[in-house]
C-alpha atoms as a PDB file:
ATOM      1  CA  UNK A   1      20.658 -71.488  77.439  1.00  0.00           C
ATOM      2  CA  UNK A   2      23.417 -69.872  75.385  1.00  0.00           C
ATOM      3  CA  UNK A   3      25.752 -72.780  76.181  1.00  0.00           C
ATOM      4  CA  UNK A   4      23.185 -75.338  75.037  1.00  0.00           C
ATOM      5  CA  UNK A   5      22.371 -73.361  71.912  1.00  0.00           C
ATOM      6  CA  UNK A   6      26.062 -72.940  71.067  1.00  0.00           C
ATOM      7  CA  UNK A   7      26.652 -76.657  71.588  1.00  0.00           C
ATOM      8  CA  UNK A   8      23.698 -77.552  69.382  1.00  0.00           C
ATOM      9  CA  UNK A   9      24.912 -75.243  66.623  1.00  0.00           C
ATOM     10  CA  UNK A  10      28.441 -76.628  66.907  1.00  0.00           C
ATOM     11  CA  UNK A  11      27.239 -80.218  66.716  1.00  0.00           C
ATOM     12  CA  UNK A  12      24.992 -79.419  63.759  1.00  0.00           C
ATOM     13  CA  UNK A  13      27.852 -77.649  61.965  1.00  0.00           C
ATOM     14  CA  UNK A  14      30.224 -80.579  62.562  1.00  0.00           C
ATOM     15  CA  UNK A  15      27.605 -83.077  61.375  1.00  0.00           C
ATOM     16  CA  UNK A  16      27.026 -81.044  58.227  1.00  0.00           C
ATOM     17  CA  UNK A  17      30.760 -80.815  57.552  1.00  0.00           C
ATOM     18  CA  UNK A  18      31.210 -84.550  58.085  1.00  0.00           C
ATOM     19  CA  UNK A  19      28.285 -85.430  55.833  1.00  0.00           C
ATOM     20  CA  UNK A  20      29.073 -83.062  52.984  1.00  0.00           C
ATOM     21  CA  UNK A  21      32.828 -83.550  52.996  1.00  0.00           C
ATOM     22  CA  UNK A  22      32.511 -87.357  53.110  1.00  0.00           C
ATOM     23  CA  UNK A  23      30.364 -87.271  49.985  1.00  0.00           C
ATOM     24  CA  UNK A  24      32.769 -84.856  48.301  1.00  0.00           C
ATOM     25  CA  UNK A  25      35.860 -86.922  49.079  1.00  0.00           C
ATOM     26  CA  UNK A  26      34.123 -90.169  48.101  1.00  0.00           C
ATOM     27  CA  UNK A  27      33.115 -88.746  44.726  1.00  0.00           C
ATOM     28  CA  UNK A  28      36.612 -87.380  44.123  1.00  0.00           C
ATOM     29  CA  UNK A  29      38.166 -90.742  44.942  1.00  0.00           C
ATOM     30  CA  UNK A  30      35.576 -92.576  42.843  1.00  0.00           C
ATOM     31  CA  UNK A  31      36.443 -90.381  39.836  1.00  0.00           C
ATOM     32  CA  UNK A  32      39.835 -92.078  39.728  1.00  0.00           C
ATOM     33  CA  UNK A  33      38.381 -95.583  39.978  1.00  0.00           C
ATOM     34  CA  UNK A  34      37.561 -96.352  36.352  1.00  0.00           C
ATOM     35  CA  UNK A  35      38.546 -98.779  33.622  1.00  0.00           C
ATOM     36  CA  UNK A  36      41.408 -96.569  32.409  1.00  0.00           C
ATOM     37  CA  UNK A  37      43.208 -96.974  35.737  1.00  0.00           C
ATOM     38  CA  UNK A  38      45.476 -99.937  35.008  1.00  0.00           C
ATOM     39  CA  UNK A  39      46.563-100.408  38.622  1.00  0.00           C
ATOM     40  CA  UNK A  40      42.919-100.651  39.672  1.00  0.00           C
ATOM     41  CA  UNK A  41      42.120-103.088  36.873  1.00  0.00           C
ATOM     42  CA  UNK A  42      44.991-105.357  37.899  1.00  0.00           C
ATOM     43  CA  UNK A  43      43.994-105.143  41.573  1.00  0.00           C
ATOM     44  CA  UNK A  44      40.352-105.962  40.829  1.00  0.00           C
ATOM     45  CA  UNK A  45      41.410-108.920  38.686  1.00  0.00           C
ATOM     46  CA  UNK A  46      43.619-110.346  41.447  1.00  0.00           C
ATOM     47  CA  UNK A  47      41.110-109.711  44.263  1.00  0.00           C
ATOM     48  CA  UNK A  48      38.243-111.025  42.129  1.00  0.00           C
ATOM     49  CA  UNK A  49      40.208-114.210  41.469  1.00  0.00           C
ATOM     50  CA  UNK A  50      40.901-114.671  45.179  1.00  0.00           C
ATOM     51  CA  UNK A  51      37.233-114.242  46.044  1.00  0.00           C
ATOM     52  CA  UNK A  52      36.176-116.480  43.144  1.00  0.00           C
ATOM     53  CA  UNK A  53      38.401-119.265  44.435  1.00  0.00           C
ATOM     54  CA  UNK A  54      37.033-118.782  47.935  1.00  0.00           C
ATOM     55  CA  UNK A  55      33.463-119.002  46.606  1.00  0.00           C
ATOM     56  CA  UNK A  56      33.913-122.231  44.725  1.00  0.00           C
ATOM     57  CA  UNK A  57      34.853-120.785  41.340  1.00  0.00           C
ATOM     58  CA  UNK A  58      31.892-118.400  40.980  1.00  0.00           C
ATOM     59  CA  UNK A  59      33.445-115.562  38.965  1.00  0.00           C
ATOM     60  CA  UNK A  60      30.469-113.213  39.184  1.00  0.00           C
ATOM     61  CA  UNK A  61      30.231-113.541  42.968  1.00  0.00           C
ATOM     62  CA  UNK A  62      34.006-113.065  43.204  1.00  0.00           C
ATOM     63  CA  UNK A  63      33.922-109.854  41.184  1.00  0.00           C
ATOM     64  CA  UNK A  64      30.920-108.609  43.189  1.00  0.00           C
ATOM     65  CA  UNK A  65      32.800-109.238  46.436  1.00  0.00           C
ATOM     66  CA  UNK A  66      35.855-107.463  45.031  1.00  0.00           C
ATOM     67  CA  UNK A  67      33.762-104.421  44.118  1.00  0.00           C
ATOM     68  CA  UNK A  68      32.202-104.402  47.588  1.00  0.00           C
ATOM     69  CA  UNK A  69      35.672-104.403  49.118  1.00  0.00           C
ATOM     70  CA  UNK A  70      36.715-101.569  46.804  1.00  0.00           C
ATOM     71  CA  UNK A  71      33.656 -99.567  47.911  1.00  0.00           C
ATOM     72  CA  UNK A  72      34.458-100.181  51.596  1.00  0.00           C
ATOM     73  CA  UNK A  73      38.076 -99.118  51.079  1.00  0.00           C
ATOM     74  CA  UNK A  74      37.073 -95.991  49.170  1.00  0.00           C
ATOM     75  CA  UNK A  75      34.472 -95.037  51.808  1.00  0.00           C
ATOM     76  CA  UNK A  76      37.009 -95.526  54.599  1.00  0.00           C
ATOM     77  CA  UNK A  77      39.563 -93.309  52.890  1.00  0.00           C
ATOM     78  CA  UNK A  78      36.913 -90.643  52.246  1.00  0.00           C
ATOM     79  CA  UNK A  79      36.041 -90.663  55.947  1.00  0.00           C
ATOM     80  CA  UNK A  80      39.708 -90.335  56.926  1.00  0.00           C
ATOM     81  CA  UNK A  81      40.037 -87.273  54.709  1.00  0.00           C
ATOM     82  CA  UNK A  82      36.776 -85.884  56.094  1.00  0.00           C
ATOM     83  CA  UNK A  83      37.832 -86.188  59.720  1.00  0.00           C
ATOM     84  CA  UNK A  84      41.123 -84.543  58.790  1.00  0.00           C
ATOM     85  CA  UNK A  85      39.131 -81.634  57.332  1.00  0.00           C
ATOM     86  CA  UNK A  86      36.931 -81.449  60.437  1.00  0.00           C
ATOM     87  CA  UNK A  87      39.921 -81.345  62.796  1.00  0.00           C
ATOM     88  CA  UNK A  88      41.485 -78.641  60.639  1.00  0.00           C
ATOM     89  CA  UNK A  89      38.292 -76.541  60.779  1.00  0.00           C
ATOM     90  CA  UNK A  90      38.063 -76.948  64.558  1.00  0.00           C
ATOM     91  CA  UNK A  91      41.729 -75.905  64.823  1.00  0.00           C
ATOM     92  CA  UNK A  92      41.070 -72.752  62.792  1.00  0.00           C
ATOM     93  CA  UNK A  93      38.064 -71.906  64.999  1.00  0.00           C
ATOM     94  CA  UNK A  94      40.196 -72.285  68.146  1.00  0.00           C
ATOM     95  CA  UNK A  95      42.938 -70.088  66.667  1.00  0.00           C
ATOM     96  CA  UNK A  96      40.383 -67.386  65.837  1.00  0.00           C
ATOM     97  CA  UNK A  97      38.830 -67.629  69.304  1.00  0.00           C
ATOM     98  CA  UNK A  98      42.270 -67.393  70.928  1.00  0.00           C
ATOM     99  CA  UNK A  99      43.157 -64.362  68.822  1.00  0.00           C
ATOM    100  CA  UNK A 100      39.929 -62.661  69.946  1.00  0.00           C
ATOM    101  CA  UNK A 101      40.677 -63.047  73.682  1.00  0.00           C
ATOM    102  CA  UNK A 102      42.622 -59.735  73.948  1.00  0.00           C
ATOM    103  CA  UNK A 103      39.643 -57.944  72.420  1.00  0.00           C
ATOM    104  CA  UNK A 104      37.347 -58.994  75.267  1.00  0.00           C
ATOM    105  CA  UNK A 105      36.748 -56.699  78.190  1.00  0.00           C
ATOM    106  CA  UNK A 106      36.201 -57.757  81.747  1.00  0.00           C
ATOM    107  CA  UNK A 107      32.700 -57.149  83.047  1.00  0.00           C
ATOM    108  CA  UNK A 108      32.656 -55.778  86.578  1.00  0.00           C
ATOM    109  CA  UNK A 109      29.817 -56.755  88.893  1.00  0.00           C
ATOM    110  CA  UNK A 110      27.505 -53.913  89.939  1.00  0.00           C
ATOM    111  CA  UNK A 111      28.476 -52.106  93.184  1.00  0.00           C
ATOM    112  CA  UNK A 112      25.004 -52.262  94.659  1.00  0.00           C
ATOM    113  CA  UNK A 113      21.776 -53.990  93.677  1.00  0.00           C
ATOM    114  CA  UNK A 114      19.537 -52.057  91.375  1.00  0.00           C
ATOM    115  CA  UNK A 115      16.465 -50.319  92.766  1.00  0.00           C
ATOM    116  CA  UNK A 116      14.030 -52.694  91.106  1.00  0.00           C
ATOM    117  CA  UNK A 117      15.796 -55.854  92.353  1.00  0.00           C
ATOM    118  CA  UNK A 118      13.576 -58.230  94.297  1.00  0.00           C
END
């Protein structure tokens, strides 16, 4: 039961880390994606033009497709950073667990069964 409970807590903790950190990294990346970012403006203009040409000259649809691609790229990069954070946290937990091994004591089995054993 302890193994199952520990696994459930570990999975829940990892899921929480992945969810919260993805949102955090996405928002941090999105803060830099604004109209004052000249590199982004130039990229969106070029990508929007490519999509507009591919869609028969529809500029609005081209810009919408460019923004969708920007969102996908930003989300992907946020997830990469999140999984990096998760691996780092797991590494720290393993280092702590390894450092605690010398503090454990070996439990010896009882010499004889107890009197109330069935």
